[in-house]
Full PDB file with SEQRES, HELIX, SHEET, SSBOND, CRYST1, ORIGX, SCALE, CONECT and MASTER records, all heavy atoms in Angstrom:
SEQRES   1 A   31  ASP ILE HIS VAL ASN GLY HIS ARG ASP PHE GLU ALA VAL          
SEQRES   2 A   31  SER ARG ARG ALA LEU VAL GLU ILE GLY LEU ASP GLU SER          
SEQRES   3 A   31  LEU VAL ASP ASP ALA                                          
HELIX    1 AA1 PHE A   10  GLU A   20  1                                  11    
HELIX    2 AA2 LEU A   27  ASP A   30  1                                   4    
CRYST1    1.000    1.000    1.000  90.00  90.00  90.00 P 1           1          
ORIGX1      1.000000  0.000000  0.000000        0.00000                         
ORIGX2      0.000000  1.000000  0.000000        0.00000                         
ORIGX3      0.000000  0.000000  1.000000        0.00000                         
SCALE1      1.000000  0.000000  0.000000        0.00000                         
SCALE2      0.000000  1.000000  0.000000        0.00000                         
SCALE3      0.000000  0.000000  1.000000        0.00000                         
ATOM      1  N   ASP A   1    -187.864-102.524-164.601  1.00  0.00           N  
ATOM      2  CA  ASP A   1    -187.958-103.742-163.767  1.00  0.00           C  
ATOM      3  C   ASP A   1    -186.912-103.575-162.638  1.00  0.00           C  
ATOM      4  O   ASP A   1    -187.272-103.932-161.447  1.00  0.00           O  
ATOM      5  CB  ASP A   1    -187.807-105.049-164.623  1.00  0.00           C  
ATOM      6  CG  ASP A   1    -188.459-106.198-163.937  1.00  0.00           C  
ATOM      7  OD1 ASP A   1    -189.259-105.954-163.009  1.00  0.00           O  
ATOM      8  OD2 ASP A   1    -188.400-107.318-164.620  1.00  0.00           O  
ATOM      9  N   ILE A   2    -185.778-103.163-162.874  1.00  0.00           N  
ATOM     10  CA  ILE A   2    -184.744-103.076-161.900  1.00  0.00           C  
ATOM     11  C   ILE A   2    -184.981-101.973-160.905  1.00  0.00           C  
ATOM     12  O   ILE A   2    -184.918-102.045-159.708  1.00  0.00           O  
ATOM     13  CB  ILE A   2    -183.264-102.976-162.455  1.00  0.00           C  
ATOM     14  CG1 ILE A   2    -182.899-104.285-163.236  1.00  0.00           C  
ATOM     15  CG2 ILE A   2    -182.298-102.624-161.402  1.00  0.00           C  
ATOM     16  CD1 ILE A   2    -181.646-104.165-164.062  1.00  0.00           C  
ATOM     17  N   HIS A   3    -185.170-100.673-161.475  1.00  0.00           N  
ATOM     18  CA  HIS A   3    -185.072 -99.500-160.696  1.00  0.00           C  
ATOM     19  C   HIS A   3    -186.406 -99.055-160.154  1.00  0.00           C  
ATOM     20  O   HIS A   3    -186.527 -98.295-159.226  1.00  0.00           O  
ATOM     21  CB  HIS A   3    -184.424 -98.443-161.525  1.00  0.00           C  
ATOM     22  CG  HIS A   3    -183.052 -98.808-162.010  1.00  0.00           C  
ATOM     23  ND1 HIS A   3    -181.996 -99.027-161.117  1.00  0.00           N  
ATOM     24  CD2 HIS A   3    -182.449 -99.006-163.208  1.00  0.00           C  
ATOM     25  CE1 HIS A   3    -180.991 -99.444-161.755  1.00  0.00           C  
ATOM     26  NE2 HIS A   3    -181.212 -99.421-163.034  1.00  0.00           N  
ATOM     27  N   VAL A   4    -187.512 -99.435-160.939  1.00  0.00           N  
ATOM     28  CA  VAL A   4    -188.830 -98.967-160.429  1.00  0.00           C  
ATOM     29  C   VAL A   4    -189.496-100.160-159.649  1.00  0.00           C  
ATOM     30  O   VAL A   4    -189.921 -99.891-158.565  1.00  0.00           O  
ATOM     31  CB  VAL A   4    -189.684 -98.628-161.591  1.00  0.00           C  
ATOM     32  CG1 VAL A   4    -191.111 -98.107-160.963  1.00  0.00           C  
ATOM     33  CG2 VAL A   4    -189.069 -97.340-162.339  1.00  0.00           C  
ATOM     34  N   ASN A   5    -189.413-101.335-160.157  1.00  0.00           N  
ATOM     35  CA  ASN A   5    -190.005-102.508-159.515  1.00  0.00           C  
ATOM     36  C   ASN A   5    -189.068-103.141-158.401  1.00  0.00           C  
ATOM     37  O   ASN A   5    -189.590-103.826-157.473  1.00  0.00           O  
ATOM     38  CB  ASN A   5    -190.340-103.674-160.525  1.00  0.00           C  
ATOM     39  CG  ASN A   5    -191.465-103.172-161.506  1.00  0.00           C  
ATOM     40  OD1 ASN A   5    -192.311-102.316-161.226  1.00  0.00           O  
ATOM     41  ND2 ASN A   5    -191.573-103.799-162.662  1.00  0.00           N  
ATOM     42  N   GLY A   6    -187.867-102.690-158.472  1.00  0.00           N  
ATOM     43  CA  GLY A   6    -186.936-103.200-157.413  1.00  0.00           C  
ATOM     44  C   GLY A   6    -186.369-104.621-157.533  1.00  0.00           C  
ATOM     45  O   GLY A   6    -185.987-105.141-156.613  1.00  0.00           O  
ATOM     46  N   HIS A   7    -186.458-105.229-158.695  1.00  0.00           N  
ATOM     47  CA  HIS A   7    -186.033-106.603-158.853  1.00  0.00           C  
ATOM     48  C   HIS A   7    -184.646-106.640-159.146  1.00  0.00           C  
ATOM     49  O   HIS A   7    -183.985-105.980-159.935  1.00  0.00           O  
ATOM     50  CB  HIS A   7    -186.896-107.211-159.955  1.00  0.00           C  
ATOM     51  CG  HIS A   7    -188.297-107.317-159.795  1.00  0.00           C  
ATOM     52  ND1 HIS A   7    -189.222-107.358-160.776  1.00  0.00           N  
ATOM     53  CD2 HIS A   7    -189.019-107.436-158.619  1.00  0.00           C  
ATOM     54  CE1 HIS A   7    -190.509-107.335-160.232  1.00  0.00           C  
ATOM     55  NE2 HIS A   7    -190.277-107.453-158.940  1.00  0.00           N  
ATOM     56  N   ARG A   8    -183.932-107.555-158.354  1.00  0.00           N  
ATOM     57  CA  ARG A   8    -182.451-107.599-158.486  1.00  0.00           C  
ATOM     58  C   ARG A   8    -181.876-108.942-159.027  1.00  0.00           C  
ATOM     59  O   ARG A   8    -180.724-109.187-158.926  1.00  0.00           O  
ATOM     60  CB  ARG A   8    -181.894-107.356-157.009  1.00  0.00           C  
ATOM     61  CG  ARG A   8    -182.341-106.028-156.399  1.00  0.00           C  
ATOM     62  CD  ARG A   8    -181.791-104.809-157.089  1.00  0.00           C  
ATOM     63  NE  ARG A   8    -180.348-104.752-157.000  1.00  0.00           N  
ATOM     64  CZ  ARG A   8    -179.633-103.835-157.633  1.00  0.00           C  
ATOM     65  NH1 ARG A   8    -180.239-102.948-158.561  1.00  0.00           N  
ATOM     66  NH2 ARG A   8    -178.341-103.788-157.509  1.00  0.00           N  
ATOM     67  N   ASP A   9    -182.749-109.800-159.445  1.00  0.00           N  
ATOM     68  CA  ASP A   9    -182.370-111.027-160.117  1.00  0.00           C  
ATOM     69  C   ASP A   9    -182.094-110.692-161.594  1.00  0.00           C  
ATOM     70  O   ASP A   9    -182.925-110.676-162.378  1.00  0.00           O  
ATOM     71  CB  ASP A   9    -183.500-112.075-160.021  1.00  0.00           C  
ATOM     72  CG  ASP A   9    -183.097-113.433-160.694  1.00  0.00           C  
ATOM     73  OD1 ASP A   9    -182.128-113.413-161.573  1.00  0.00           O  
ATOM     74  OD2 ASP A   9    -183.584-114.448-160.384  1.00  0.00           O  
ATOM     75  N   PHE A  10    -180.814-110.340-161.790  1.00  0.00           N  
ATOM     76  CA  PHE A  10    -180.441-109.631-163.143  1.00  0.00           C  
ATOM     77  C   PHE A  10    -180.623-110.714-164.413  1.00  0.00           C  
ATOM     78  O   PHE A  10    -180.972-110.171-165.419  1.00  0.00           O  
ATOM     79  CB  PHE A  10    -178.971-109.145-163.143  1.00  0.00           C  
ATOM     80  CG  PHE A  10    -178.883-108.009-162.202  1.00  0.00           C  
ATOM     81  CD1 PHE A  10    -177.714-107.937-161.361  1.00  0.00           C  
ATOM     82  CD2 PHE A  10    -179.804-106.913-162.041  1.00  0.00           C  
ATOM     83  CE1 PHE A  10    -177.534-106.991-160.430  1.00  0.00           C  
ATOM     84  CE2 PHE A  10    -179.580-105.907-161.188  1.00  0.00           C  
ATOM     85  CZ  PHE A  10    -178.571-105.864-160.389  1.00  0.00           C  
ATOM     86  N   GLU A  11    -180.575-111.883-164.109  1.00  0.00           N  
ATOM     87  CA  GLU A  11    -180.853-112.760-165.100  1.00  0.00           C  
ATOM     88  C   GLU A  11    -182.348-112.848-165.465  1.00  0.00           C  
ATOM     89  O   GLU A  11    -182.714-112.838-166.663  1.00  0.00           O  
ATOM     90  CB  GLU A  11    -180.352-114.247-164.874  1.00  0.00           C  
ATOM     91  CG  GLU A  11    -180.587-115.253-165.975  1.00  0.00           C  
ATOM     92  CD  GLU A  11    -180.104-116.639-165.640  1.00  0.00           C  
ATOM     93  OE1 GLU A  11    -179.180-116.839-164.731  1.00  0.00           O  
ATOM     94  OE2 GLU A  11    -180.372-117.535-166.438  1.00  0.00           O  
ATOM     95  N   ALA A  12    -183.138-112.937-164.546  1.00  0.00           N  
ATOM     96  CA  ALA A  12    -184.565-112.978-164.733  1.00  0.00           C  
ATOM     97  C   ALA A  12    -185.094-111.684-165.300  1.00  0.00           C  
ATOM     98  O   ALA A  12    -185.963-111.666-166.270  1.00  0.00           O  
ATOM     99  CB  ALA A  12    -185.314-113.222-163.349  1.00  0.00           C  
ATOM    100  N   VAL A  13    -184.557-110.519-164.868  1.00  0.00           N  
ATOM    101  CA  VAL A  13    -185.154-109.251-165.412  1.00  0.00           C  
ATOM    102  C   VAL A  13    -184.554-109.201-166.838  1.00  0.00           C  
ATOM    103  O   VAL A  13    -185.519-108.577-167.725  1.00  0.00           O  
ATOM    104  CB  VAL A  13    -184.777-108.078-164.556  1.00  0.00           C  
ATOM    105  CG1 VAL A  13    -185.283-108.080-163.156  1.00  0.00           C  
ATOM    106  CG2 VAL A  13    -183.188-107.780-164.562  1.00  0.00           C  
ATOM    107  N   SER A  14    -183.425-109.650-167.198  1.00  0.00           N  
ATOM    108  CA  SER A  14    -182.971-109.585-168.509  1.00  0.00           C  
ATOM    109  C   SER A  14    -183.942-110.396-169.442  1.00  0.00           C  
ATOM    110  O   SER A  14    -184.227-110.030-170.552  1.00  0.00           O  
ATOM    111  CB  SER A  14    -181.491-110.093-168.700  1.00  0.00           C  
ATOM    112  OG  SER A  14    -180.608-109.192-167.968  1.00  0.00           O  
ATOM    113  N   ARG A  15    -184.275-111.554-169.012  1.00  0.00           N  
ATOM    114  CA  ARG A  15    -185.205-112.474-169.735  1.00  0.00           C  
ATOM    115  C   ARG A  15    -186.550-111.780-169.936  1.00  0.00           C  
ATOM    116  O   ARG A  15    -187.070-111.849-171.017  1.00  0.00           O  
ATOM    117  CB  ARG A  15    -185.252-113.865-169.080  1.00  0.00           C  
ATOM    118  CG  ARG A  15    -183.983-114.688-169.102  1.00  0.00           C  
ATOM    119  CD  ARG A  15    -184.294-116.058-168.620  1.00  0.00           C  
ATOM    120  NE  ARG A  15    -183.013-116.820-168.520  1.00  0.00           N  
ATOM    121  CZ  ARG A  15    -182.420-117.428-169.535  1.00  0.00           C  
ATOM    122  NH1 ARG A  15    -182.941-117.466-170.612  1.00  0.00           N  
ATOM    123  NH2 ARG A  15    -181.379-118.081-169.323  1.00  0.00           N  
ATOM    124  N   ARG A  16    -187.121-111.245-168.914  1.00  0.00           N  
ATOM    125  CA  ARG A  16    -188.412-110.661-168.998  1.00  0.00           C  
ATOM    126  C   ARG A  16    -188.352-109.443-170.039  1.00  0.00           C  
ATOM    127  O   ARG A  16    -189.279-109.217-170.769  1.00  0.00           O  
ATOM    128  CB  ARG A  16    -188.882-110.136-167.573  1.00  0.00           C  
ATOM    129  CG  ARG A  16    -189.420-111.212-166.701  1.00  0.00           C  
ATOM    130  CD  ARG A  16    -190.253-110.685-165.576  1.00  0.00           C  
ATOM    131  NE  ARG A  16    -189.439-109.874-164.626  1.00  0.00           N  
ATOM    132  CZ  ARG A  16    -188.816-110.409-163.572  1.00  0.00           C  
ATOM    133  NH1 ARG A  16    -188.813-111.702-163.408  1.00  0.00           N  
ATOM    134  NH2 ARG A  16    -188.107-109.537-162.802  1.00  0.00           N  
ATOM    135  N   ALA A  17    -187.254-108.683-169.874  1.00  0.00           N  
ATOM    136  CA  ALA A  17    -187.224-107.434-170.876  1.00  0.00           C  
ATOM    137  C   ALA A  17    -187.126-107.976-172.306  1.00  0.00           C  
ATOM    138  O   ALA A  17    -187.730-107.315-173.179  1.00  0.00           O  
ATOM    139  CB  ALA A  17    -185.995-106.673-170.510  1.00  0.00           C  
ATOM    140  N   LEU A  18    -186.427-108.989-172.539  1.00  0.00           N  
ATOM    141  CA  LEU A  18    -186.336-109.441-173.908  1.00  0.00           C  
ATOM    142  C   LEU A  18    -187.627-109.956-174.411  1.00  0.00           C  
ATOM    143  O   LEU A  18    -188.145-109.650-175.530  1.00  0.00           O  
ATOM    144  CB  LEU A  18    -185.384-110.746-173.918  1.00  0.00           C  
ATOM    145  CG  LEU A  18    -183.796-110.304-173.820  1.00  0.00           C  
ATOM    146  CD1 LEU A  18    -183.075-111.485-173.567  1.00  0.00           C  
ATOM    147  CD2 LEU A  18    -183.330-109.499-175.062  1.00  0.00           C  
ATOM    148  N   VAL A  19    -188.391-110.697-173.601  1.00  0.00           N  
ATOM    149  CA  VAL A  19    -189.736-111.119-174.100  1.00  0.00           C  
ATOM    150  C   VAL A  19    -190.585-109.951-174.206  1.00  0.00           C  
ATOM    151  O   VAL A  19    -191.476-109.920-175.159  1.00  0.00           O  
ATOM    152  CB  VAL A  19    -190.217-112.097-172.928  1.00  0.00           C  
ATOM    153  CG1 VAL A  19    -191.732-112.456-173.244  1.00  0.00           C  
ATOM    154  CG2 VAL A  19    -189.450-113.404-172.932  1.00  0.00           C  
ATOM    155  N   GLU A  20    -190.559-108.937-173.365  1.00  0.00           N  
ATOM    156  CA  GLU A  20    -191.383-107.857-173.450  1.00  0.00           C  
ATOM    157  C   GLU A  20    -191.273-107.067-174.801  1.00  0.00           C  
ATOM    158  O   GLU A  20    -192.239-106.604-175.290  1.00  0.00           O  
ATOM    159  CB  GLU A  20    -191.175-106.769-172.277  1.00  0.00           C  
ATOM    160  CG  GLU A  20    -191.965-105.639-172.190  1.00  0.00           C  
ATOM    161  CD  GLU A  20    -191.839-104.733-171.037  1.00  0.00           C  
ATOM    162  OE1 GLU A  20    -191.432-105.229-169.896  1.00  0.00           O  
ATOM    163  OE2 GLU A  20    -192.022-103.588-171.106  1.00  0.00           O  
ATOM    164  N   ILE A  21    -190.067-107.030-175.298  1.00  0.00           N  
ATOM    165  CA  ILE A  21    -189.900-106.259-176.555  1.00  0.00           C  
ATOM    166  C   ILE A  21    -189.785-107.168-177.721  1.00  0.00           C  
ATOM    167  O   ILE A  21    -189.536-106.763-178.790  1.00  0.00           O  
ATOM    168  CB  ILE A  21    -188.623-105.408-176.435  1.00  0.00           C  
ATOM    169  CG1 ILE A  21    -187.252-106.343-176.384  1.00  0.00           C  
ATOM    170  CG2 ILE A  21    -188.681-104.472-175.287  1.00  0.00           C  
ATOM    171  CD1 ILE A  21    -186.007-105.571-176.639  1.00  0.00           C  
ATOM    172  N   GLY A  22    -190.217-108.495-177.488  1.00  0.00           N  
ATOM    173  CA  GLY A  22    -190.310-109.317-178.634  1.00  0.00           C  
ATOM    174  C   GLY A  22    -189.094-110.046-179.200  1.00  0.00           C  
ATOM    175  O   GLY A  22    -189.016-110.541-180.353  1.00  0.00           O  
ATOM    176  N   LEU A  23    -188.094-110.227-178.269  1.00  0.00           N  
ATOM    177  CA  LEU A  23    -186.920-110.868-178.640  1.00  0.00           C  
ATOM    178  C   LEU A  23    -186.667-112.205-177.812  1.00  0.00           C  
ATOM    179  O   LEU A  23    -187.406-112.347-176.855  1.00  0.00           O  
ATOM    180  CB  LEU A  23    -185.620-109.986-178.356  1.00  0.00           C  
ATOM    181  CG  LEU A  23    -185.517-108.682-179.194  1.00  0.00           C  
ATOM    182  CD1 LEU A  23    -184.282-107.882-178.816  1.00  0.00           C  
ATOM    183  CD2 LEU A  23    -185.525-108.982-180.662  1.00  0.00           C  
ATOM    184  N   ASP A  24    -185.902-113.019-178.311  1.00  0.00           N  
ATOM    185  CA  ASP A  24    -185.751-114.322-177.826  1.00  0.00           C  
ATOM    186  C   ASP A  24    -185.000-114.249-176.493  1.00  0.00           C  
ATOM    187  O   ASP A  24    -183.805-113.710-176.501  1.00  0.00           O  
ATOM    188  CB  ASP A  24    -185.003-115.319-178.874  1.00  0.00           C  
ATOM    189  CG  ASP A  24    -185.123-116.808-178.497  1.00  0.00           C  
ATOM    190  OD1 ASP A  24    -184.972-117.101-177.276  1.00  0.00           O  
ATOM    191  OD2 ASP A  24    -185.177-117.582-179.422  1.00  0.00           O  
ATOM    192  N   GLU A  25    -185.469-114.805-175.444  1.00  0.00           N  
ATOM    193  CA  GLU A  25    -184.694-114.765-174.184  1.00  0.00           C  
ATOM    194  C   GLU A  25    -183.453-115.641-174.068  1.00  0.00           C  
ATOM    195  O   GLU A  25    -182.634-115.487-173.264  1.00  0.00           O  
ATOM    196  CB  GLU A  25    -185.637-115.204-173.055  1.00  0.00           C  
ATOM    197  CG  GLU A  25    -186.091-116.622-173.111  1.00  0.00           C  
ATOM    198  CD  GLU A  25    -186.913-116.966-171.816  1.00  0.00           C  
ATOM    199  OE1 GLU A  25    -186.374-117.158-170.780  1.00  0.00           O  
ATOM    200  OE2 GLU A  25    -188.159-117.046-171.901  1.00  0.00           O  
ATOM    201  N   SER A  26    -183.188-116.466-175.242  1.00  0.00           N  
ATOM    202  CA  SER A  26    -181.987-117.111-175.201  1.00  0.00           C  
ATOM    203  C   SER A  26    -180.674-116.283-175.369  1.00  0.00           C  
ATOM    204  O   SER A  26    -179.596-116.631-175.103  1.00  0.00           O  
ATOM    205  CB  SER A  26    -182.009-118.123-176.375  1.00  0.00           C  
ATOM    206  OG  SER A  26    -181.963-117.436-177.665  1.00  0.00           O  
ATOM    207  N   LEU A  27    -180.900-114.963-175.633  1.00  0.00           N  
ATOM    208  CA  LEU A  27    -179.901-114.095-175.723  1.00  0.00           C  
ATOM    209  C   LEU A  27    -179.252-113.928-174.202  1.00  0.00           C  
ATOM    210  O   LEU A  27    -178.047-113.563-174.174  1.00  0.00           O  
ATOM    211  CB  LEU A  27    -180.187-112.673-176.144  1.00  0.00           C  
ATOM    212  CG  LEU A  27    -180.581-112.425-177.642  1.00  0.00           C  
ATOM    213  CD1 LEU A  27    -181.128-111.031-177.872  1.00  0.00           C  
ATOM    214  CD2 LEU A  27    -179.391-112.672-178.482  1.00  0.00           C  
ATOM    215  N   VAL A  28    -179.964-114.166-173.276  1.00  0.00           N  
ATOM    216  CA  VAL A  28    -179.432-114.158-171.898  1.00  0.00           C  
ATOM    217  C   VAL A  28    -178.391-115.372-171.707  1.00  0.00           C  
ATOM    218  O   VAL A  28    -177.395-115.257-171.053  1.00  0.00           O  
ATOM    219  CB  VAL A  28    -180.469-114.248-170.798  1.00  0.00           C  
ATOM    220  CG1 VAL A  28    -179.866-114.359-169.512  1.00  0.00           C  
ATOM    221  CG2 VAL A  28    -181.355-112.960-170.911  1.00  0.00           C  
ATOM    222  N   ASP A  29    -178.669-116.466-172.323  1.00  0.00           N  
ATOM    223  CA  ASP A  29    -177.797-117.510-172.242  1.00  0.00           C  
ATOM    224  C   ASP A  29    -176.389-117.162-172.827  1.00  0.00           C  
ATOM    225  O   ASP A  29    -175.353-117.523-172.371  1.00  0.00           O  
ATOM    226  CB  ASP A  29    -178.189-118.812-173.084  1.00  0.00           C  
ATOM    227  CG  ASP A  29    -179.614-119.355-172.437  1.00  0.00           C  
ATOM    228  OD1 ASP A  29    -179.673-119.310-171.156  1.00  0.00           O  
ATOM    229  OD2 ASP A  29    -180.428-119.690-173.292  1.00  0.00           O  
ATOM    230  N   ASP A  30    -176.305-116.346-173.950  1.00  0.00           N  
ATOM    231  CA  ASP A  30    -175.119-115.852-174.495  1.00  0.00           C  
ATOM    232  C   ASP A  30    -174.507-114.898-173.529  1.00  0.00           C  
ATOM    233  O   ASP A  30    -173.278-114.801-173.417  1.00  0.00           O  
ATOM    234  CB  ASP A  30    -175.396-115.121-175.863  1.00  0.00           C  
ATOM    235  CG  ASP A  30    -175.854-116.115-177.024  1.00  0.00           C  
ATOM    236  OD1 ASP A  30    -175.445-117.341-176.841  1.00  0.00           O  
ATOM    237  OD2 ASP A  30    -176.643-115.654-177.885  1.00  0.00           O  
ATOM    238  N   ALA A  31    -175.452-114.105-172.838  1.00  0.00           N  
ATOM    239  CA  ALA A  31    -174.831-113.069-171.875  1.00  0.00           C  
ATOM    240  C   ALA A  31    -174.195-113.627-170.772  1.00  0.00           C  
ATOM    241  O   ALA A  31    -173.535-112.985-169.971  1.00  0.00           O  
ATOM    242  CB  ALA A  31    -176.020-112.155-171.460  1.00  0.00           C  
TER     243      ALA A  31                                                      
MASTER        0    0    0    2    0    0    0    6  242    1    0    3          
END                                                                             
């Protein structure tokens, strides 16, 4: 998402990646 798609909103890409692999996006709140 960051390096191929060029997305630089690091909070948003972190949330999308968590959802994509089946984890809870609330881990970003901890991050």
